[in-house]
Amino acid sequence: KNELDYSKHGGAVLFGLKAPVIKTH
């Protein structure tokens, strides 16, 4: 279960913006 849990890597990054913008589930 832990191996399949990708939330341990953090959220989704909207990459290409002037600052980190992160979305979690």
mmCIF file of all heavy atoms, coordinates in Angstrom:
data_MODEL
# 
_entry.id   MODEL 
# 
loop_
_atom_site.group_PDB 
_atom_site.id 
_atom_site.type_symbol 
_atom_site.label_atom_id 
_atom_site.label_alt_id 
_atom_site.label_comp_id 
_atom_site.label_asym_id 
_atom_site.label_entity_id 
_atom_site.label_seq_id 
_atom_site.pdbx_PDB_ins_code 
_atom_site.Cartn_x 
_atom_site.Cartn_y 
_atom_site.Cartn_z 
_atom_site.occupancy 
_atom_site.B_iso_or_equiv 
_atom_site.pdbx_formal_charge 
_atom_site.auth_seq_id 
_atom_site.auth_comp_id 
_atom_site.auth_asym_id 
_atom_site.auth_atom_id 
_atom_site.pdbx_PDB_model_num 
ATOM 1   N N   . LYS A 1 1  ? 0.828  -1.204 0.000   1.00 0.00 ? 1  LYS A N   1 
ATOM 2   C CA  . LYS A 1 1  ? 0.000  0.000  0.000   1.00 0.00 ? 1  LYS A CA  1 
ATOM 3   C C   . LYS A 1 1  ? 0.863  1.255  0.000   1.00 0.00 ? 1  LYS A C   1 
ATOM 4   O O   . LYS A 1 1  ? 0.603  2.208  -0.744  1.00 0.00 ? 1  LYS A O   1 
ATOM 5   C CB  . LYS A 1 1  ? -0.917 -0.005 1.228   1.00 0.00 ? 1  LYS A CB  1 
ATOM 6   C CG  . LYS A 1 1  ? -1.878 1.179  1.280   1.00 0.00 ? 1  LYS A CG  1 
ATOM 7   C CD  . LYS A 1 1  ? -2.777 1.106  2.507   1.00 0.00 ? 1  LYS A CD  1 
ATOM 8   C CE  . LYS A 1 1  ? -3.718 2.301  2.551   1.00 0.00 ? 1  LYS A CE  1 
ATOM 9   N NZ  . LYS A 1 1  ? -4.585 2.262  3.760   1.00 0.00 ? 1  LYS A NZ  1 
ATOM 10  N N   . ASN A 1 2  ? 1.906  1.257  0.819   1.00 0.00 ? 2  ASN A N   1 
ATOM 11  C CA  . ASN A 1 2  ? 2.796  2.418  0.887   1.00 0.00 ? 2  ASN A CA  1 
ATOM 12  C C   . ASN A 1 2  ? 3.543  2.632  -0.424  1.00 0.00 ? 2  ASN A C   1 
ATOM 13  O O   . ASN A 1 2  ? 3.802  3.766  -0.837  1.00 0.00 ? 2  ASN A O   1 
ATOM 14  C CB  . ASN A 1 2  ? 3.807  2.245  2.031   1.00 0.00 ? 2  ASN A CB  1 
ATOM 15  C CG  . ASN A 1 2  ? 3.154  2.351  3.397   1.00 0.00 ? 2  ASN A CG  1 
ATOM 16  O OD1 . ASN A 1 2  ? 2.084  2.941  3.538   1.00 0.00 ? 2  ASN A OD1 1 
ATOM 17  N ND2 . ASN A 1 2  ? 3.787  1.763  4.409   1.00 0.00 ? 2  ASN A ND2 1 
ATOM 18  N N   . GLU A 1 3  ? 3.893  1.534  -1.069  1.00 0.00 ? 3  GLU A N   1 
ATOM 19  C CA  . GLU A 1 3  ? 4.644  1.630  -2.329  1.00 0.00 ? 3  GLU A CA  1 
ATOM 20  C C   . GLU A 1 3  ? 3.804  2.268  -3.430  1.00 0.00 ? 3  GLU A C   1 
ATOM 21  O O   . GLU A 1 3  ? 4.323  2.965  -4.302  1.00 0.00 ? 3  GLU A O   1 
ATOM 22  C CB  . GLU A 1 3  ? 5.107  0.236  -2.755  1.00 0.00 ? 3  GLU A CB  1 
ATOM 23  C CG  . GLU A 1 3  ? 6.289  0.256  -3.700  1.00 0.00 ? 3  GLU A CG  1 
ATOM 24  C CD  . GLU A 1 3  ? 6.962  -1.106 -3.810  1.00 0.00 ? 3  GLU A CD  1 
ATOM 25  O OE1 . GLU A 1 3  ? 7.197  -1.741 -2.775  1.00 0.00 ? 3  GLU A OE1 1 
ATOM 26  O OE2 . GLU A 1 3  ? 7.243  -1.505 -4.941  1.00 0.00 ? 3  GLU A OE2 1 
ATOM 27  N N   . LEU A 1 4  ? 2.498  2.013  -3.404  1.00 0.00 ? 4  LEU A N   1 
ATOM 28  C CA  . LEU A 1 4  ? 1.601  2.567  -4.417  1.00 0.00 ? 4  LEU A CA  1 
ATOM 29  C C   . LEU A 1 4  ? 1.122  3.975  -4.080  1.00 0.00 ? 4  LEU A C   1 
ATOM 30  O O   . LEU A 1 4  ? 0.453  4.610  -4.888  1.00 0.00 ? 4  LEU A O   1 
ATOM 31  C CB  . LEU A 1 4  ? 0.386  1.641  -4.595  1.00 0.00 ? 4  LEU A CB  1 
ATOM 32  C CG  . LEU A 1 4  ? 0.668  0.283  -5.236  1.00 0.00 ? 4  LEU A CG  1 
ATOM 33  C CD1 . LEU A 1 4  ? -0.561 -0.612 -5.141  1.00 0.00 ? 4  LEU A CD1 1 
ATOM 34  C CD2 . LEU A 1 4  ? 1.099  0.455  -6.690  1.00 0.00 ? 4  LEU A CD2 1 
ATOM 35  N N   . ASP A 1 5  ? 1.458  4.455  -2.892  1.00 0.00 ? 5  ASP A N   1 
ATOM 36  C CA  . ASP A 1 5  ? 0.997  5.767  -2.447  1.00 0.00 ? 5  ASP A CA  1 
ATOM 37  C C   . ASP A 1 5  ? 1.957  6.845  -2.937  1.00 0.00 ? 5  ASP A C   1 
ATOM 38  O O   . ASP A 1 5  ? 3.033  7.022  -2.382  1.00 0.00 ? 5  ASP A O   1 
ATOM 39  C CB  . ASP A 1 5  ? 0.900  5.786  -0.922  1.00 0.00 ? 5  ASP A CB  1 
ATOM 40  C CG  . ASP A 1 5  ? 0.426  7.127  -0.390  1.00 0.00 ? 5  ASP A CG  1 
ATOM 41  O OD1 . ASP A 1 5  ? -0.104 7.932  -1.180  1.00 0.00 ? 5  ASP A OD1 1 
ATOM 42  O OD2 . ASP A 1 5  ? 0.590  7.367  0.823   1.00 0.00 ? 5  ASP A OD2 1 
ATOM 43  N N   . TYR A 1 6  ? 1.556  7.583  -3.974  1.00 0.00 ? 6  TYR A N   1 
ATOM 44  C CA  . TYR A 1 6  ? 2.463  8.598  -4.522  1.00 0.00 ? 6  TYR A CA  1 
ATOM 45  C C   . TYR A 1 6  ? 2.422  9.911  -3.749  1.00 0.00 ? 6  TYR A C   1 
ATOM 46  O O   . TYR A 1 6  ? 3.214  10.823 -4.016  1.00 0.00 ? 6  TYR A O   1 
ATOM 47  C CB  . TYR A 1 6  ? 2.193  8.842  -6.014  1.00 0.00 ? 6  TYR A CB  1 
ATOM 48  C CG  . TYR A 1 6  ? 0.847  9.420  -6.364  1.00 0.00 ? 6  TYR A CG  1 
ATOM 49  C CD1 . TYR A 1 6  ? 0.643  10.789 -6.388  1.00 0.00 ? 6  TYR A CD1 1 
ATOM 50  C CD2 . TYR A 1 6  ? -0.224 8.599  -6.692  1.00 0.00 ? 6  TYR A CD2 1 
ATOM 51  C CE1 . TYR A 1 6  ? -0.593 11.329 -6.723  1.00 0.00 ? 6  TYR A CE1 1 
ATOM 52  C CE2 . TYR A 1 6  ? -1.456 9.126  -7.031  1.00 0.00 ? 6  TYR A CE2 1 
ATOM 53  C CZ  . TYR A 1 6  ? -1.635 10.494 -7.042  1.00 0.00 ? 6  TYR A CZ  1 
ATOM 54  O OH  . TYR A 1 6  ? -2.857 11.019 -7.370  1.00 0.00 ? 6  TYR A OH  1 
ATOM 55  N N   . SER A 1 7  ? 1.511  10.040 -2.765  1.00 0.00 ? 7  SER A N   1 
ATOM 56  C CA  . SER A 1 7  ? 1.438  11.274 -1.982  1.00 0.00 ? 7  SER A CA  1 
ATOM 57  C C   . SER A 1 7  ? 2.699  11.468 -1.130  1.00 0.00 ? 7  SER A C   1 
ATOM 58  O O   . SER A 1 7  ? 2.998  12.586 -0.707  1.00 0.00 ? 7  SER A O   1 
ATOM 59  C CB  . SER A 1 7  ? 0.202  11.273 -1.080  1.00 0.00 ? 7  SER A CB  1 
ATOM 60  O OG  . SER A 1 7  ? 0.320  10.322 -0.042  1.00 0.00 ? 7  SER A OG  1 
ATOM 61  N N   . LYS A 1 8  ? 3.464  10.392 -0.911  1.00 0.00 ? 8  LYS A N   1 
ATOM 62  C CA  . LYS A 1 8  ? 4.692  10.515 -0.118  1.00 0.00 ? 8  LYS A CA  1 
ATOM 63  C C   . LYS A 1 8  ? 5.733  11.381 -0.833  1.00 0.00 ? 8  LYS A C   1 
ATOM 64  O O   . LYS A 1 8  ? 6.667  11.874 -0.213  1.00 0.00 ? 8  LYS A O   1 
ATOM 65  C CB  . LYS A 1 8  ? 5.281  9.134  0.181   1.00 0.00 ? 8  LYS A CB  1 
ATOM 66  C CG  . LYS A 1 8  ? 5.746  8.376  -1.053  1.00 0.00 ? 8  LYS A CG  1 
ATOM 67  C CD  . LYS A 1 8  ? 6.178  6.962  -0.730  1.00 0.00 ? 8  LYS A CD  1 
ATOM 68  C CE  . LYS A 1 8  ? 6.576  6.209  -1.992  1.00 0.00 ? 8  LYS A CE  1 
ATOM 69  N NZ  . LYS A 1 8  ? 6.914  4.805  -1.723  1.00 0.00 ? 8  LYS A NZ  1 
ATOM 70  N N   . HIS A 1 9  ? 5.550  11.543 -2.163  1.00 0.00 ? 9  HIS A N   1 
ATOM 71  C CA  . HIS A 1 9  ? 6.461  12.399 -2.927  1.00 0.00 ? 9  HIS A CA  1 
ATOM 72  C C   . HIS A 1 9  ? 6.008  13.856 -2.908  1.00 0.00 ? 9  HIS A C   1 
ATOM 73  O O   . HIS A 1 9  ? 6.699  14.726 -3.428  1.00 0.00 ? 9  HIS A O   1 
ATOM 74  C CB  . HIS A 1 9  ? 6.544  11.928 -4.380  1.00 0.00 ? 9  HIS A CB  1 
ATOM 75  C CG  . HIS A 1 9  ? 7.162  10.573 -4.541  1.00 0.00 ? 9  HIS A CG  1 
ATOM 76  N ND1 . HIS A 1 9  ? 8.488  10.322 -4.282  1.00 0.00 ? 9  HIS A ND1 1 
ATOM 77  C CD2 . HIS A 1 9  ? 6.634  9.383  -4.934  1.00 0.00 ? 9  HIS A CD2 1 
ATOM 78  C CE1 . HIS A 1 9  ? 8.758  9.044  -4.506  1.00 0.00 ? 9  HIS A CE1 1 
ATOM 79  N NE2 . HIS A 1 9  ? 7.642  8.452  -4.906  1.00 0.00 ? 9  HIS A NE2 1 
ATOM 80  N N   . GLY A 1 10 ? 4.839  14.123 -2.326  1.00 0.00 ? 10 GLY A N   1 
ATOM 81  C CA  . GLY A 1 10 ? 4.318  15.484 -2.289  1.00 0.00 ? 10 GLY A CA  1 
ATOM 82  C C   . GLY A 1 10 ? 3.146  15.658 -3.222  1.00 0.00 ? 10 GLY A C   1 
ATOM 83  O O   . GLY A 1 10 ? 2.516  14.687 -3.649  1.00 0.00 ? 10 GLY A O   1 
ATOM 84  N N   . GLY A 1 11 ? 2.837  16.907 -3.551  1.00 0.00 ? 11 GLY A N   1 
ATOM 85  C CA  . GLY A 1 11 ? 1.689  17.204 -4.406  1.00 0.00 ? 11 GLY A CA  1 
ATOM 86  C C   . GLY A 1 11 ? 2.085  17.367 -5.866  1.00 0.00 ? 11 GLY A C   1 
ATOM 87  O O   . GLY A 1 11 ? 3.225  17.118 -6.254  1.00 0.00 ? 11 GLY A O   1 
ATOM 88  N N   . ALA A 1 12 ? 1.107  17.795 -6.650  1.00 0.00 ? 12 ALA A N   1 
ATOM 89  C CA  . ALA A 1 12 ? 1.350  18.074 -8.068  1.00 0.00 ? 12 ALA A CA  1 
ATOM 90  C C   . ALA A 1 12 ? 1.793  19.530 -8.212  1.00 0.00 ? 12 ALA A C   1 
ATOM 91  O O   . ALA A 1 12 ? 1.188  20.428 -7.621  1.00 0.00 ? 12 ALA A O   1 
ATOM 92  C CB  . ALA A 1 12 ? 0.081  17.824 -8.875  1.00 0.00 ? 12 ALA A CB  1 
ATOM 93  N N   . VAL A 1 13 ? 2.838  19.744 -8.985  1.00 0.00 ? 13 VAL A N   1 
ATOM 94  C CA  . VAL A 1 13 ? 3.407  21.079 -9.173  1.00 0.00 ? 13 VAL A CA  1 
ATOM 95  C C   . VAL A 1 13 ? 2.907  21.672 -10.480 1.00 0.00 ? 13 VAL A C   1 
ATOM 96  O O   . VAL A 1 13 ? 2.987  21.016 -11.524 1.00 0.00 ? 13 VAL A O   1 
ATOM 97  C CB  . VAL A 1 13 ? 4.950  21.014 -9.226  1.00 0.00 ? 13 VAL A CB  1 
ATOM 98  C CG1 . VAL A 1 13 ? 5.548  22.411 -9.326  1.00 0.00 ? 13 VAL A CG1 1 
ATOM 99  C CG2 . VAL A 1 13 ? 5.504  20.273 -8.021  1.00 0.00 ? 13 VAL A CG2 1 
ATOM 100 N N   . LEU A 1 14 ? 2.372  22.906 -10.434 1.00 0.00 ? 14 LEU A N   1 
ATOM 101 C CA  . LEU A 1 14 ? 2.102  23.623 -11.681 1.00 0.00 ? 14 LEU A CA  1 
ATOM 102 C C   . LEU A 1 14 ? 3.411  24.274 -12.070 1.00 0.00 ? 14 LEU A C   1 
ATOM 103 O O   . LEU A 1 14 ? 3.774  25.348 -11.580 1.00 0.00 ? 14 LEU A O   1 
ATOM 104 C CB  . LEU A 1 14 ? 0.989  24.661 -11.500 1.00 0.00 ? 14 LEU A CB  1 
ATOM 105 C CG  . LEU A 1 14 ? 0.583  25.390 -12.789 1.00 0.00 ? 14 LEU A CG  1 
ATOM 106 C CD1 . LEU A 1 14 ? 0.143  24.407 -13.870 1.00 0.00 ? 14 LEU A CD1 1 
ATOM 107 C CD2 . LEU A 1 14 ? -0.523 26.397 -12.531 1.00 0.00 ? 14 LEU A CD2 1 
ATOM 108 N N   . PHE A 1 15 ? 4.155  23.568 -12.927 1.00 0.00 ? 15 PHE A N   1 
ATOM 109 C CA  . PHE A 1 15 ? 5.538  23.939 -13.220 1.00 0.00 ? 15 PHE A CA  1 
ATOM 110 C C   . PHE A 1 15 ? 5.594  24.838 -14.440 1.00 0.00 ? 15 PHE A C   1 
ATOM 111 O O   . PHE A 1 15 ? 4.956  24.566 -15.465 1.00 0.00 ? 15 PHE A O   1 
ATOM 112 C CB  . PHE A 1 15 ? 6.350  22.665 -13.447 1.00 0.00 ? 15 PHE A CB  1 
ATOM 113 C CG  . PHE A 1 15 ? 7.730  22.716 -12.871 1.00 0.00 ? 15 PHE A CG  1 
ATOM 114 C CD1 . PHE A 1 15 ? 8.010  23.418 -11.718 1.00 0.00 ? 15 PHE A CD1 1 
ATOM 115 C CD2 . PHE A 1 15 ? 8.767  22.046 -13.486 1.00 0.00 ? 15 PHE A CD2 1 
ATOM 116 C CE1 . PHE A 1 15 ? 9.295  23.458 -11.188 1.00 0.00 ? 15 PHE A CE1 1 
ATOM 117 C CE2 . PHE A 1 15 ? 10.057 22.058 -12.967 1.00 0.00 ? 15 PHE A CE2 1 
ATOM 118 C CZ  . PHE A 1 15 ? 10.315 22.773 -11.814 1.00 0.00 ? 15 PHE A CZ  1 
ATOM 119 N N   . GLY A 1 16 ? 6.395  25.886 -14.327 1.00 0.00 ? 16 GLY A N   1 
ATOM 120 C CA  . GLY A 1 16 ? 6.511  26.867 -15.401 1.00 0.00 ? 16 GLY A CA  1 
ATOM 121 C C   . GLY A 1 16 ? 6.046  28.233 -14.949 1.00 0.00 ? 16 GLY A C   1 
ATOM 122 O O   . GLY A 1 16 ? 6.000  29.186 -15.731 1.00 0.00 ? 16 GLY A O   1 
ATOM 123 N N   . LEU A 1 17 ? 5.719  28.348 -13.657 1.00 0.00 ? 17 LEU A N   1 
ATOM 124 C CA  . LEU A 1 17 ? 5.303  29.625 -13.076 1.00 0.00 ? 17 LEU A CA  1 
ATOM 125 C C   . LEU A 1 17 ? 6.461  30.258 -12.321 1.00 0.00 ? 17 LEU A C   1 
ATOM 126 O O   . LEU A 1 17 ? 7.474  29.615 -12.053 1.00 0.00 ? 17 LEU A O   1 
ATOM 127 C CB  . LEU A 1 17 ? 4.112  29.421 -12.139 1.00 0.00 ? 17 LEU A CB  1 
ATOM 128 C CG  . LEU A 1 17 ? 2.854  28.820 -12.775 1.00 0.00 ? 17 LEU A CG  1 
ATOM 129 C CD1 . LEU A 1 17 ? 1.757  28.683 -11.735 1.00 0.00 ? 17 LEU A CD1 1 
ATOM 130 C CD2 . LEU A 1 17 ? 2.367  29.680 -13.937 1.00 0.00 ? 17 LEU A CD2 1 
ATOM 131 N N   . LYS A 1 18 ? 6.288  31.524 -11.916 1.00 0.00 ? 18 LYS A N   1 
ATOM 132 C CA  . LYS A 1 18 ? 7.368  32.281 -11.290 1.00 0.00 ? 18 LYS A CA  1 
ATOM 133 C C   . LYS A 1 18 ? 7.623  31.889 -9.837  1.00 0.00 ? 18 LYS A C   1 
ATOM 134 O O   . LYS A 1 18 ? 8.566  32.406 -9.223  1.00 0.00 ? 18 LYS A O   1 
ATOM 135 C CB  . LYS A 1 18 ? 7.067  33.776 -11.385 1.00 0.00 ? 18 LYS A CB  1 
ATOM 136 C CG  . LYS A 1 18 ? 7.077  34.308 -12.821 1.00 0.00 ? 18 LYS A CG  1 
ATOM 137 C CD  . LYS A 1 18 ? 6.739  35.780 -12.858 1.00 0.00 ? 18 LYS A CD  1 
ATOM 138 C CE  . LYS A 1 18 ? 6.762  36.308 -14.291 1.00 0.00 ? 18 LYS A CE  1 
ATOM 139 N NZ  . LYS A 1 18 ? 6.385  37.747 -14.354 1.00 0.00 ? 18 LYS A NZ  1 
ATOM 140 N N   . ALA A 1 19 ? 6.797  31.022 -9.283  1.00 0.00 ? 19 ALA A N   1 
ATOM 141 C CA  . ALA A 1 19 ? 6.972  30.546 -7.906  1.00 0.00 ? 19 ALA A CA  1 
ATOM 142 C C   . ALA A 1 19 ? 6.325  29.170 -7.796  1.00 0.00 ? 19 ALA A C   1 
ATOM 143 O O   . ALA A 1 19 ? 5.468  28.819 -8.619  1.00 0.00 ? 19 ALA A O   1 
ATOM 144 C CB  . ALA A 1 19 ? 6.342  31.527 -6.917  1.00 0.00 ? 19 ALA A CB  1 
ATOM 145 N N   . PRO A 1 20 ? 6.698  28.372 -6.811  1.00 0.00 ? 20 PRO A N   1 
ATOM 146 C CA  . PRO A 1 20 ? 6.069  27.064 -6.641  1.00 0.00 ? 20 PRO A CA  1 
ATOM 147 C C   . PRO A 1 20 ? 4.570  27.184 -6.327  1.00 0.00 ? 20 PRO A C   1 
ATOM 148 O O   . PRO A 1 20 ? 4.185  27.865 -5.372  1.00 0.00 ? 20 PRO A O   1 
ATOM 149 C CB  . PRO A 1 20 ? 6.829  26.461 -5.451  1.00 0.00 ? 20 PRO A CB  1 
ATOM 150 C CG  . PRO A 1 20 ? 8.144  27.162 -5.441  1.00 0.00 ? 20 PRO A CG  1 
ATOM 151 C CD  . PRO A 1 20 ? 7.837  28.560 -5.880  1.00 0.00 ? 20 PRO A CD  1 
ATOM 152 N N   . VAL A 1 21 ? 3.760  26.537 -7.136  1.00 0.00 ? 21 VAL A N   1 
ATOM 153 C CA  . VAL A 1 21 ? 2.314  26.439 -6.909  1.00 0.00 ? 21 VAL A CA  1 
ATOM 154 C C   . VAL A 1 21 ? 2.011  24.949 -6.854  1.00 0.00 ? 21 VAL A C   1 
ATOM 155 O O   . VAL A 1 21 ? 2.176  24.240 -7.844  1.00 0.00 ? 21 VAL A O   1 
ATOM 156 C CB  . VAL A 1 21 ? 1.513  27.120 -8.038  1.00 0.00 ? 21 VAL A CB  1 
ATOM 157 C CG1 . VAL A 1 21 ? 0.016  26.900 -7.843  1.00 0.00 ? 21 VAL A CG1 1 
ATOM 158 C CG2 . VAL A 1 21 ? 1.827  28.612 -8.088  1.00 0.00 ? 21 VAL A CG2 1 
ATOM 159 N N   . ILE A 1 22 ? 1.581  24.459 -5.675  1.00 0.00 ? 22 ILE A N   1 
ATOM 160 C CA  . ILE A 1 22 ? 1.464  23.024 -5.443  1.00 0.00 ? 22 ILE A CA  1 
ATOM 161 C C   . ILE A 1 22 ? 0.030  22.649 -5.114  1.00 0.00 ? 22 ILE A C   1 
ATOM 162 O O   . ILE A 1 22 ? -0.626 23.294 -4.297  1.00 0.00 ? 22 ILE A O   1 
ATOM 163 C CB  . ILE A 1 22 ? 2.371  22.563 -4.267  1.00 0.00 ? 22 ILE A CB  1 
ATOM 164 C CG1 . ILE A 1 22 ? 3.742  23.223 -4.346  1.00 0.00 ? 22 ILE A CG1 1 
ATOM 165 C CG2 . ILE A 1 22 ? 2.473  21.044 -4.244  1.00 0.00 ? 22 ILE A CG2 1 
ATOM 166 C CD1 . ILE A 1 22 ? 4.578  22.845 -5.513  1.00 0.00 ? 22 ILE A CD1 1 
ATOM 167 N N   . LYS A 1 23 ? -0.449 21.586 -5.750  1.00 0.00 ? 23 LYS A N   1 
ATOM 168 C CA  . LYS A 1 23 ? -1.815 21.087 -5.529  1.00 0.00 ? 23 LYS A CA  1 
ATOM 169 C C   . LYS A 1 23 ? -1.759 19.711 -4.882  1.00 0.00 ? 23 LYS A C   1 
ATOM 170 O O   . LYS A 1 23 ? -1.075 18.815 -5.366  1.00 0.00 ? 23 LYS A O   1 
ATOM 171 C CB  . LYS A 1 23 ? -2.553 20.996 -6.876  1.00 0.00 ? 23 LYS A CB  1 
ATOM 172 C CG  . LYS A 1 23 ? -3.903 20.287 -6.830  1.00 0.00 ? 23 LYS A CG  1 
ATOM 173 C CD  . LYS A 1 23 ? -4.939 21.086 -6.083  1.00 0.00 ? 23 LYS A CD  1 
ATOM 174 C CE  . LYS A 1 23 ? -6.324 20.450 -6.194  1.00 0.00 ? 23 LYS A CE  1 
ATOM 175 N NZ  . LYS A 1 23 ? -6.468 19.191 -5.442  1.00 0.00 ? 23 LYS A NZ  1 
ATOM 176 N N   . THR A 1 24 ? -2.474 19.553 -3.764  1.00 0.00 ? 24 THR A N   1 
ATOM 177 C CA  . THR A 1 24 ? -2.620 18.240 -3.157  1.00 0.00 ? 24 THR A CA  1 
ATOM 178 C C   . THR A 1 24 ? -4.041 17.737 -3.392  1.00 0.00 ? 24 THR A C   1 
ATOM 179 O O   . THR A 1 24 ? -4.945 18.511 -3.686  1.00 0.00 ? 24 THR A O   1 
ATOM 180 C CB  . THR A 1 24 ? -2.332 18.279 -1.647  1.00 0.00 ? 24 THR A CB  1 
ATOM 181 O OG1 . THR A 1 24 ? -3.149 19.289 -1.045  1.00 0.00 ? 24 THR A OG1 1 
ATOM 182 C CG2 . THR A 1 24 ? -0.891 18.588 -1.368  1.00 0.00 ? 24 THR A CG2 1 
ATOM 183 N N   . HIS A 1 25 ? -4.237 16.444 -3.249  1.00 0.00 ? 25 HIS A N   1 
ATOM 184 C CA  . HIS A 1 25 ? -5.539 15.822 -3.496  1.00 0.00 ? 25 HIS A CA  1 
ATOM 185 C C   . HIS A 1 25 ? -6.590 16.392 -2.554  1.00 0.00 ? 25 HIS A C   1 
ATOM 186 O O   . HIS A 1 25 ? -6.305 16.691 -1.390  1.00 0.00 ? 25 HIS A O   1 
ATOM 187 C CB  . HIS A 1 25 ? -5.426 14.313 -3.295  1.00 0.00 ? 25 HIS A CB  1 
ATOM 188 C CG  . HIS A 1 25 ? -6.479 13.541 -4.009  1.00 0.00 ? 25 HIS A CG  1 
ATOM 189 N ND1 . HIS A 1 25 ? -7.780 13.471 -3.555  1.00 0.00 ? 25 HIS A ND1 1 
ATOM 190 C CD2 . HIS A 1 25 ? -6.450 12.825 -5.162  1.00 0.00 ? 25 HIS A CD2 1 
ATOM 191 C CE1 . HIS A 1 25 ? -8.496 12.735 -4.376  1.00 0.00 ? 25 HIS A CE1 1 
ATOM 192 N NE2 . HIS A 1 25 ? -7.714 12.326 -5.367  1.00 0.00 ? 25 HIS A NE2 1 
# 
